[in-house]
Amino acid sequence: QVQLVESGGGLVQAGGSLRLSCVSSRIIFSLNFMGWYRQAPGKQRELVAGITPTGNTNYADPVKGRFTISRDITKNTMYLQMNSLKREDTAVYYCNTDSRRGPSLAWGQGTQVTVSS
């Protein structure tokens, strides 16, 4: 079973930046449509960024222009660079396969991002 481990979250002021990492226990990033998700308190989990096996990226409107998804296949790691953070970006962030393309893997613990004003 593939294990996904997210890290890099923390407390940051509005306008600041964070870089999240997602390490996989197996080679998946070059084979699957992947994505970063977030879940804010009281809200459903939402997909915020996706990356295809060939490296093409796509973003949800709320994060477009501020977040960048990338991956390092040699390290079995995927990243989410988050700039110009806003309070509404506060959530637990997860990585997984792109749910628009197929079933999800087991969810990791996520990493908490808190943006203060």
Protein backbone atom coordinates (compact mmCIF):
# COMPACT_ATOMS: atom_id res chain seq x y z
CA GLN A 1 0.00 0.00 0.00
CA VAL A 2 1.25 3.46 -0.90
CA GLN A 3 1.89 5.78 2.00
CA LEU A 4 1.73 9.53 1.55
CA VAL A 5 3.34 11.84 4.09
CA GLU A 6 2.70 15.57 3.98
CA SER A 7 4.86 18.16 5.74
CA GLY A 8 5.82 21.81 5.67
CA GLY A 9 2.75 23.41 7.15
CA GLY A 10 2.78 25.97 9.89
CA LEU A 11 1.63 29.36 11.07
CA VAL A 12 2.29 32.24 8.73
CA GLN A 13 1.11 35.81 8.42
CA ALA A 14 -1.10 36.87 5.57
CA GLY A 15 1.03 37.64 2.54
CA GLY A 16 3.65 35.10 3.53
CA SER A 17 4.75 31.88 1.88
CA LEU A 18 5.04 28.20 2.69
CA ARG A 19 6.27 25.19 0.77
CA LEU A 20 4.53 21.91 1.38
CA SER A 21 6.05 18.53 0.60
CA CYS A 22 4.46 15.16 -0.06
CA VAL A 23 6.66 12.08 0.04
CA SER A 24 5.42 8.81 -1.37
CA SER A 25 6.57 5.38 -0.28
CA ARG A 26 6.39 4.18 -3.88
CA ILE A 27 6.96 5.57 -7.36
CA ILE A 28 3.67 7.19 -8.28
CA PHE A 29 4.21 10.78 -9.37
CA SER A 30 5.31 9.97 -12.90
CA LEU A 31 2.51 7.44 -13.35
CA ASN A 32 -0.56 9.14 -11.95
CA PHE A 33 -2.56 12.32 -12.07
CA MET A 34 -1.81 13.84 -8.69
CA GLY A 35 -3.15 16.69 -6.67
CA TRP A 36 -3.04 18.80 -3.56
CA TYR A 37 -6.22 19.11 -1.56
CA ARG A 38 -7.28 21.14 1.44
CA GLN A 39 -9.98 20.89 4.04
CA ALA A 40 -10.96 23.87 6.13
CA PRO A 41 -12.96 23.47 9.35
CA GLY A 42 -16.58 22.69 8.60
CA LYS A 43 -15.97 22.40 4.86
CA GLN A 44 -15.52 19.59 2.41
CA ARG A 45 -12.11 18.62 1.12
CA GLU A 46 -11.35 20.41 -2.15
CA LEU A 47 -8.78 19.94 -4.87
CA VAL A 48 -6.65 23.05 -5.24
CA ALA A 49 -3.89 21.98 -7.63
CA GLY A 50 -3.24 19.09 -9.99
CA ILE A 51 -0.32 17.77 -11.99
CA THR A 52 -0.42 15.25 -14.81
CA PRO A 53 2.04 12.40 -15.40
CA THR A 54 3.70 14.57 -18.05
CA GLY A 55 4.01 17.52 -15.70
CA ASN A 56 1.17 19.75 -16.86
CA THR A 57 -0.44 21.66 -14.02
CA ASN A 58 -3.87 23.05 -13.23
CA TYR A 59 -5.28 25.10 -10.37
CA ALA A 60 -8.52 25.97 -8.71
CA ASP A 61 -9.52 29.59 -9.20
CA PRO A 62 -8.97 30.65 -5.55
CA VAL A 63 -5.28 29.75 -5.70
CA LYS A 64 -4.45 30.45 -9.32
CA GLY A 65 -1.44 32.71 -9.64
CA ARG A 66 -0.43 32.16 -6.00
CA PHE A 67 0.20 28.41 -5.69
CA THR A 68 2.54 26.26 -7.74
CA ILE A 69 2.50 22.48 -7.81
CA SER A 70 5.63 20.60 -8.81
CA ARG A 71 7.35 17.28 -8.27
CA ASP A 72 10.78 15.70 -8.07
CA ILE A 73 10.43 12.20 -9.44
CA THR A 74 13.93 11.23 -8.29
CA LYS A 75 12.89 11.93 -4.70
CA ASN A 76 9.33 10.55 -4.92
CA THR A 77 8.25 13.97 -3.71
CA MET A 78 5.61 16.46 -4.75
CA TYR A 79 5.52 20.09 -3.65
CA LEU A 80 3.08 22.93 -3.26
CA GLN A 81 4.63 26.38 -3.18
CA MET A 82 2.13 28.77 -1.64
CA ASN A 83 2.71 32.51 -1.97
CA SER A 84 0.64 35.54 -1.01
CA LEU A 85 -1.22 33.47 1.53
CA LYS A 86 -4.62 34.62 2.72
CA ARG A 87 -6.61 33.79 5.83
CA GLU A 88 -8.98 31.74 3.69
CA ASP A 89 -6.09 29.43 2.80
CA THR A 90 -6.15 28.15 6.37
CA ALA A 91 -6.82 24.41 6.19
CA VAL A 92 -5.29 20.98 6.48
CA TYR A 93 -3.52 20.18 3.22
CA TYR A 94 -3.29 16.70 1.74
CA CYS A 95 -1.78 15.12 -1.33
CA ASN A 96 -3.32 12.26 -3.26
CA THR A 97 -4.21 11.15 -6.73
CA ASP A 98 -6.44 13.50 -8.72
CA SER A 99 -9.97 12.41 -7.83
CA ARG A 100 -11.21 13.55 -11.24
CA ARG A 101 -9.16 10.75 -12.78
CA GLY A 102 -9.81 7.80 -10.54
CA PRO A 103 -9.96 6.43 -7.02
CA SER A 104 -7.87 7.90 -4.24
CA LEU A 105 -5.06 6.26 -2.36
CA ALA A 106 -5.13 6.02 1.41
CA TRP A 107 -5.11 9.54 2.83
CA GLY A 108 -2.19 10.72 4.90
CA GLN A 109 -2.38 12.82 8.03
CA GLY A 110 -2.12 16.07 6.17
CA THR A 111 -0.27 19.18 7.23
CA GLN A 112 -1.92 22.15 8.93
CA VAL A 113 -1.57 25.59 7.37
CA THR A 114 -2.75 28.52 9.44
CA VAL A 115 -2.69 32.03 8.04
CA SER A 116 -3.08 34.88 10.49
CA SER A 117 -4.03 38.42 9.64
